[in-house]
N, C-alpha and C. Protein backbone atom coordinates (compact mmCIF):
# COMPACT_ATOMS: atom_id res chain seq x y z
N MET A 1 -23.27 -80.61 39.40
CA MET A 1 -24.00 -80.59 40.65
C MET A 1 -24.58 -79.19 40.83
N SER A 2 -25.83 -79.12 41.20
CA SER A 2 -26.47 -77.81 41.37
C SER A 2 -26.16 -77.25 42.74
N MET A 3 -26.47 -75.98 42.91
CA MET A 3 -26.21 -75.34 44.20
C MET A 3 -27.07 -75.94 45.30
N ALA A 4 -28.27 -76.37 44.97
CA ALA A 4 -29.15 -76.99 45.96
C ALA A 4 -28.55 -78.31 46.45
N ASP A 5 -27.98 -79.08 45.52
CA ASP A 5 -27.35 -80.35 45.90
C ASP A 5 -26.14 -80.11 46.80
N GLU A 6 -25.34 -79.07 46.46
CA GLU A 6 -24.18 -78.74 47.28
C GLU A 6 -24.60 -78.32 48.68
N ARG A 7 -25.69 -77.55 48.76
CA ARG A 7 -26.19 -77.09 50.05
C ARG A 7 -26.66 -78.27 50.88
N MET A 8 -27.32 -79.23 50.26
CA MET A 8 -27.80 -80.41 50.98
C MET A 8 -26.62 -81.25 51.47
N ASP A 9 -25.59 -81.38 50.62
CA ASP A 9 -24.41 -82.14 51.03
C ASP A 9 -23.72 -81.47 52.21
N ARG A 10 -23.66 -80.15 52.16
CA ARG A 10 -23.00 -79.39 53.23
C ARG A 10 -23.78 -79.53 54.52
N ASP A 11 -25.10 -79.45 54.45
CA ASP A 11 -25.92 -79.60 55.65
C ASP A 11 -25.81 -81.01 56.23
N ALA A 12 -25.74 -81.99 55.36
CA ALA A 12 -25.64 -83.37 55.81
C ALA A 12 -24.30 -83.65 56.47
N SER A 13 -23.25 -82.97 56.00
CA SER A 13 -21.93 -83.22 56.57
C SER A 13 -21.66 -82.40 57.83
N GLY A 14 -22.61 -81.53 58.21
CA GLY A 14 -22.42 -80.78 59.43
C GLY A 14 -21.96 -79.36 59.22
N PHE A 15 -21.74 -78.96 57.99
CA PHE A 15 -21.36 -77.59 57.70
C PHE A 15 -22.59 -76.81 57.29
N GLY A 16 -22.68 -75.60 57.73
CA GLY A 16 -23.80 -74.74 57.38
C GLY A 16 -23.84 -73.56 58.31
N ASN A 17 -24.77 -72.67 58.09
CA ASN A 17 -24.79 -71.51 58.98
C ASN A 17 -25.47 -71.86 60.29
N GLN A 18 -25.28 -71.05 61.28
CA GLN A 18 -25.76 -71.35 62.63
C GLN A 18 -27.27 -71.27 62.73
N ALA A 19 -27.91 -70.44 61.92
CA ALA A 19 -29.36 -70.31 61.98
C ALA A 19 -30.03 -71.63 61.57
N GLU A 20 -29.46 -72.33 60.62
CA GLU A 20 -30.03 -73.59 60.18
C GLU A 20 -29.84 -74.68 61.22
N GLU A 21 -28.77 -74.64 61.97
CA GLU A 21 -28.45 -75.71 62.90
C GLU A 21 -28.83 -75.40 64.35
N GLY A 22 -29.39 -74.25 64.61
CA GLY A 22 -29.70 -73.89 65.97
C GLY A 22 -28.48 -73.42 66.72
N GLY A 23 -27.59 -72.73 66.07
CA GLY A 23 -26.29 -72.21 66.46
C GLY A 23 -25.93 -72.19 67.93
N SER A 24 -26.65 -71.46 68.77
CA SER A 24 -26.21 -71.27 70.15
C SER A 24 -26.29 -72.56 70.96
N LYS A 25 -27.27 -73.42 70.68
CA LYS A 25 -27.36 -74.69 71.41
C LYS A 25 -26.14 -75.56 71.13
N LYS A 26 -25.73 -75.57 69.88
CA LYS A 26 -24.57 -76.39 69.52
C LYS A 26 -23.31 -75.86 70.17
N LYS A 27 -23.17 -74.53 70.26
CA LYS A 27 -21.99 -73.95 70.91
C LYS A 27 -21.94 -74.33 72.39
N LYS A 28 -23.08 -74.24 73.06
CA LYS A 28 -23.09 -74.55 74.48
C LYS A 28 -22.72 -76.01 74.72
N ARG A 29 -23.22 -76.88 73.87
CA ARG A 29 -22.91 -78.28 74.02
C ARG A 29 -21.42 -78.54 73.83
N SER A 30 -20.82 -77.91 72.83
CA SER A 30 -19.40 -78.14 72.59
C SER A 30 -18.55 -77.56 73.72
N ASN A 31 -18.97 -76.44 74.32
CA ASN A 31 -18.24 -75.88 75.45
C ASN A 31 -18.30 -76.81 76.65
N ARG A 32 -19.45 -77.44 76.86
CA ARG A 32 -19.59 -78.35 77.97
C ARG A 32 -18.68 -79.56 77.79
N VAL A 33 -18.56 -80.03 76.59
CA VAL A 33 -17.69 -81.17 76.30
C VAL A 33 -16.24 -80.80 76.57
N LYS A 34 -15.83 -79.59 76.18
CA LYS A 34 -14.46 -79.16 76.40
C LYS A 34 -14.13 -79.07 77.88
N THR A 35 -15.07 -78.58 78.71
CA THR A 35 -14.79 -78.48 80.14
C THR A 35 -14.70 -79.86 80.77
N ASP A 36 -15.51 -80.81 80.29
CA ASP A 36 -15.42 -82.17 80.81
C ASP A 36 -14.07 -82.79 80.48
N VAL A 37 -13.59 -82.56 79.27
CA VAL A 37 -12.31 -83.11 78.85
C VAL A 37 -11.18 -82.47 79.64
N SER A 38 -11.25 -81.15 79.86
CA SER A 38 -10.17 -80.48 80.58
C SER A 38 -10.14 -80.87 82.05
N SER A 39 -11.29 -81.22 82.65
CA SER A 39 -11.28 -81.63 84.04
C SER A 39 -10.64 -83.02 84.20
N LYS A 40 -10.70 -83.83 83.15
CA LYS A 40 -10.09 -85.15 83.20
C LYS A 40 -8.61 -85.10 82.83
N LYS A 41 -8.15 -83.94 82.40
CA LYS A 41 -6.76 -83.80 81.94
C LYS A 41 -5.79 -84.03 83.11
N LYS A 42 -4.73 -84.75 82.82
CA LYS A 42 -3.74 -85.08 83.83
C LYS A 42 -2.90 -83.84 84.14
N GLN A 43 -2.75 -83.51 85.43
CA GLN A 43 -1.95 -82.35 85.81
C GLN A 43 -0.48 -82.71 85.86
N ARG A 44 0.35 -81.71 85.56
CA ARG A 44 1.80 -81.90 85.60
C ARG A 44 2.29 -81.82 87.04
N PRO A 45 3.45 -82.40 87.31
CA PRO A 45 4.04 -82.27 88.65
C PRO A 45 4.35 -80.80 88.96
N ALA A 46 4.43 -80.48 90.24
CA ALA A 46 4.62 -79.10 90.67
C ALA A 46 5.93 -78.51 90.14
N GLY A 47 6.99 -79.28 90.12
CA GLY A 47 8.27 -78.78 89.63
C GLY A 47 8.22 -78.40 88.16
N VAL A 48 7.54 -79.21 87.37
CA VAL A 48 7.41 -78.93 85.94
C VAL A 48 6.56 -77.68 85.73
N ARG A 49 5.47 -77.54 86.51
CA ARG A 49 4.62 -76.35 86.39
C ARG A 49 5.39 -75.09 86.74
N VAL A 50 6.21 -75.14 87.78
CA VAL A 50 7.00 -73.97 88.17
C VAL A 50 8.03 -73.63 87.09
N LEU A 51 8.67 -74.66 86.54
CA LEU A 51 9.65 -74.44 85.49
C LEU A 51 9.01 -73.82 84.25
N LEU A 52 7.85 -74.33 83.84
CA LEU A 52 7.15 -73.76 82.69
C LEU A 52 6.72 -72.33 82.96
N TRP A 53 6.27 -72.04 84.17
CA TRP A 53 5.86 -70.68 84.53
C TRP A 53 7.06 -69.73 84.43
N LEU A 54 8.22 -70.17 84.96
CA LEU A 54 9.42 -69.34 84.89
C LEU A 54 9.85 -69.09 83.45
N LEU A 55 9.78 -70.12 82.62
CA LEU A 55 10.15 -69.96 81.21
C LEU A 55 9.21 -68.99 80.50
N ARG A 56 7.92 -69.09 80.78
CA ARG A 56 6.96 -68.17 80.16
C ARG A 56 7.20 -66.73 80.58
N LYS A 57 7.53 -66.52 81.84
CA LYS A 57 7.73 -65.17 82.34
C LYS A 57 9.08 -64.59 81.92
N SER A 58 10.06 -65.42 81.62
CA SER A 58 11.39 -64.92 81.31
C SER A 58 11.69 -64.82 79.82
N ILE A 59 10.80 -65.26 78.96
CA ILE A 59 11.11 -65.27 77.53
C ILE A 59 11.24 -63.85 76.98
N VAL A 60 10.39 -62.93 77.39
CA VAL A 60 10.47 -61.55 76.87
C VAL A 60 11.75 -60.86 77.34
N PRO A 61 12.11 -60.90 78.63
CA PRO A 61 13.38 -60.29 79.01
C PRO A 61 14.59 -60.92 78.31
N LEU A 62 14.57 -62.23 78.10
CA LEU A 62 15.68 -62.88 77.39
C LEU A 62 15.78 -62.38 75.94
N ILE A 63 14.66 -62.25 75.28
CA ILE A 63 14.66 -61.73 73.91
C ILE A 63 15.15 -60.29 73.90
N MET A 64 14.77 -59.50 74.90
CA MET A 64 15.22 -58.11 74.96
C MET A 64 16.74 -58.03 75.16
N ILE A 65 17.30 -58.88 75.98
CA ILE A 65 18.75 -58.88 76.20
C ILE A 65 19.48 -59.30 74.93
N ILE A 66 18.96 -60.31 74.24
CA ILE A 66 19.57 -60.74 72.98
C ILE A 66 19.53 -59.60 71.96
N MET A 67 18.41 -58.90 71.87
CA MET A 67 18.29 -57.79 70.93
C MET A 67 19.21 -56.62 71.31
N LEU A 68 19.42 -56.38 72.60
CA LEU A 68 20.34 -55.34 73.05
C LEU A 68 21.76 -55.66 72.61
N ILE A 69 22.18 -56.89 72.84
CA ILE A 69 23.53 -57.29 72.45
C ILE A 69 23.70 -57.21 70.93
N THR A 70 22.69 -57.67 70.20
CA THR A 70 22.74 -57.59 68.74
C THR A 70 22.80 -56.15 68.27
N GLY A 71 22.02 -55.28 68.90
CA GLY A 71 22.04 -53.86 68.53
C GLY A 71 23.37 -53.19 68.82
N LEU A 72 23.98 -53.54 69.95
CA LEU A 72 25.30 -52.99 70.27
C LEU A 72 26.32 -53.43 69.23
N TYR A 73 26.27 -54.69 68.87
CA TYR A 73 27.22 -55.22 67.89
C TYR A 73 27.02 -54.55 66.52
N VAL A 74 25.79 -54.50 66.06
CA VAL A 74 25.51 -53.91 64.74
C VAL A 74 25.86 -52.43 64.73
N GLY A 75 25.51 -51.73 65.79
CA GLY A 75 25.80 -50.31 65.84
C GLY A 75 27.28 -50.00 65.89
N TYR A 76 28.03 -50.78 66.59
CA TYR A 76 29.47 -50.51 66.76
C TYR A 76 30.29 -51.00 65.58
N VAL A 77 29.98 -52.21 65.09
CA VAL A 77 30.80 -52.81 64.04
C VAL A 77 30.31 -52.40 62.65
N VAL A 78 29.03 -52.53 62.39
CA VAL A 78 28.52 -52.29 61.04
C VAL A 78 28.38 -50.79 60.77
N VAL A 79 27.66 -50.09 61.64
CA VAL A 79 27.43 -48.67 61.42
C VAL A 79 28.68 -47.85 61.74
N GLY A 80 29.32 -48.14 62.87
CA GLY A 80 30.49 -47.37 63.29
C GLY A 80 31.79 -47.78 62.63
N LYS A 81 31.77 -48.91 61.94
CA LYS A 81 32.96 -49.43 61.24
C LYS A 81 34.18 -49.54 62.16
N GLN A 82 33.95 -50.10 63.34
CA GLN A 82 35.02 -50.32 64.31
C GLN A 82 35.38 -51.80 64.33
N PRO A 83 36.53 -52.15 64.90
CA PRO A 83 36.94 -53.56 64.94
C PRO A 83 35.99 -54.40 65.81
N GLU A 84 35.79 -55.64 65.38
CA GLU A 84 34.85 -56.54 66.07
C GLU A 84 35.31 -56.91 67.47
N ASP A 85 36.60 -56.99 67.70
CA ASP A 85 37.08 -57.45 69.00
C ASP A 85 36.89 -56.42 70.11
N GLU A 86 36.59 -55.18 69.78
CA GLU A 86 36.40 -54.15 70.80
C GLU A 86 34.95 -54.02 71.26
N VAL A 87 34.05 -54.72 70.62
CA VAL A 87 32.63 -54.53 70.91
C VAL A 87 32.29 -54.85 72.36
N PHE A 88 32.76 -55.94 72.87
CA PHE A 88 32.34 -56.39 74.20
C PHE A 88 33.40 -56.14 75.28
N GLN A 89 34.27 -55.18 75.05
CA GLN A 89 35.22 -54.78 76.09
C GLN A 89 34.61 -53.66 76.92
N TRP A 90 34.76 -53.78 78.22
CA TRP A 90 34.19 -52.80 79.14
C TRP A 90 34.79 -51.41 78.91
N SER A 91 36.06 -51.33 78.60
CA SER A 91 36.73 -50.04 78.42
C SER A 91 36.15 -49.26 77.24
N THR A 92 35.68 -49.94 76.22
CA THR A 92 35.08 -49.27 75.06
C THR A 92 33.83 -48.52 75.48
N TRP A 93 32.95 -49.19 76.19
CA TRP A 93 31.68 -48.58 76.58
C TRP A 93 31.88 -47.55 77.68
N GLN A 94 32.88 -47.73 78.51
CA GLN A 94 33.20 -46.73 79.52
C GLN A 94 33.69 -45.45 78.84
N HIS A 95 34.50 -45.61 77.80
CA HIS A 95 35.00 -44.45 77.05
C HIS A 95 33.84 -43.72 76.37
N ILE A 96 32.91 -44.45 75.78
CA ILE A 96 31.75 -43.82 75.14
C ILE A 96 30.90 -43.10 76.17
N TYR A 97 30.71 -43.71 77.34
CA TYR A 97 29.94 -43.05 78.42
C TYR A 97 30.61 -41.76 78.86
N ASP A 98 31.94 -41.81 79.01
CA ASP A 98 32.68 -40.62 79.41
C ASP A 98 32.58 -39.52 78.37
N LEU A 99 32.59 -39.87 77.10
CA LEU A 99 32.42 -38.87 76.04
C LEU A 99 31.05 -38.21 76.07
N ILE A 100 30.04 -39.01 76.34
CA ILE A 100 28.67 -38.47 76.34
C ILE A 100 28.41 -37.60 77.56
N PHE A 101 28.82 -38.05 78.73
CA PHE A 101 28.47 -37.37 79.98
C PHE A 101 29.64 -36.58 80.59
N ALA A 102 30.60 -36.21 79.79
CA ALA A 102 31.76 -35.46 80.31
C ALA A 102 31.36 -34.02 80.60
N ASP A 103 31.98 -33.42 81.63
CA ASP A 103 31.76 -32.01 81.93
C ASP A 103 32.59 -31.18 80.97
N SER A 104 31.90 -30.37 80.17
CA SER A 104 32.67 -29.57 79.24
C SER A 104 32.40 -28.10 79.41
């Protein structure tokens, strides 16, 4: 198949550059179709919308808290070579705080 035949097949199937197809007119038409479809889209109930909004807004803080806990565990157990059962005890972190901020 020659390149001219491939080009003709591509143009016939709707693929080609925008200059050949009148690019901007086709874009405007497709945008208009999308807005018509979205206006007919069924809206979710208010409770579901609020729940989804809360989930979207809280995902980053949740990931940050998970990473903080993971970092504390890795730093204390893996790097510091301390026992695993002491990682999440309040007295451990209070002792570390006192060591750092003690008046000397």
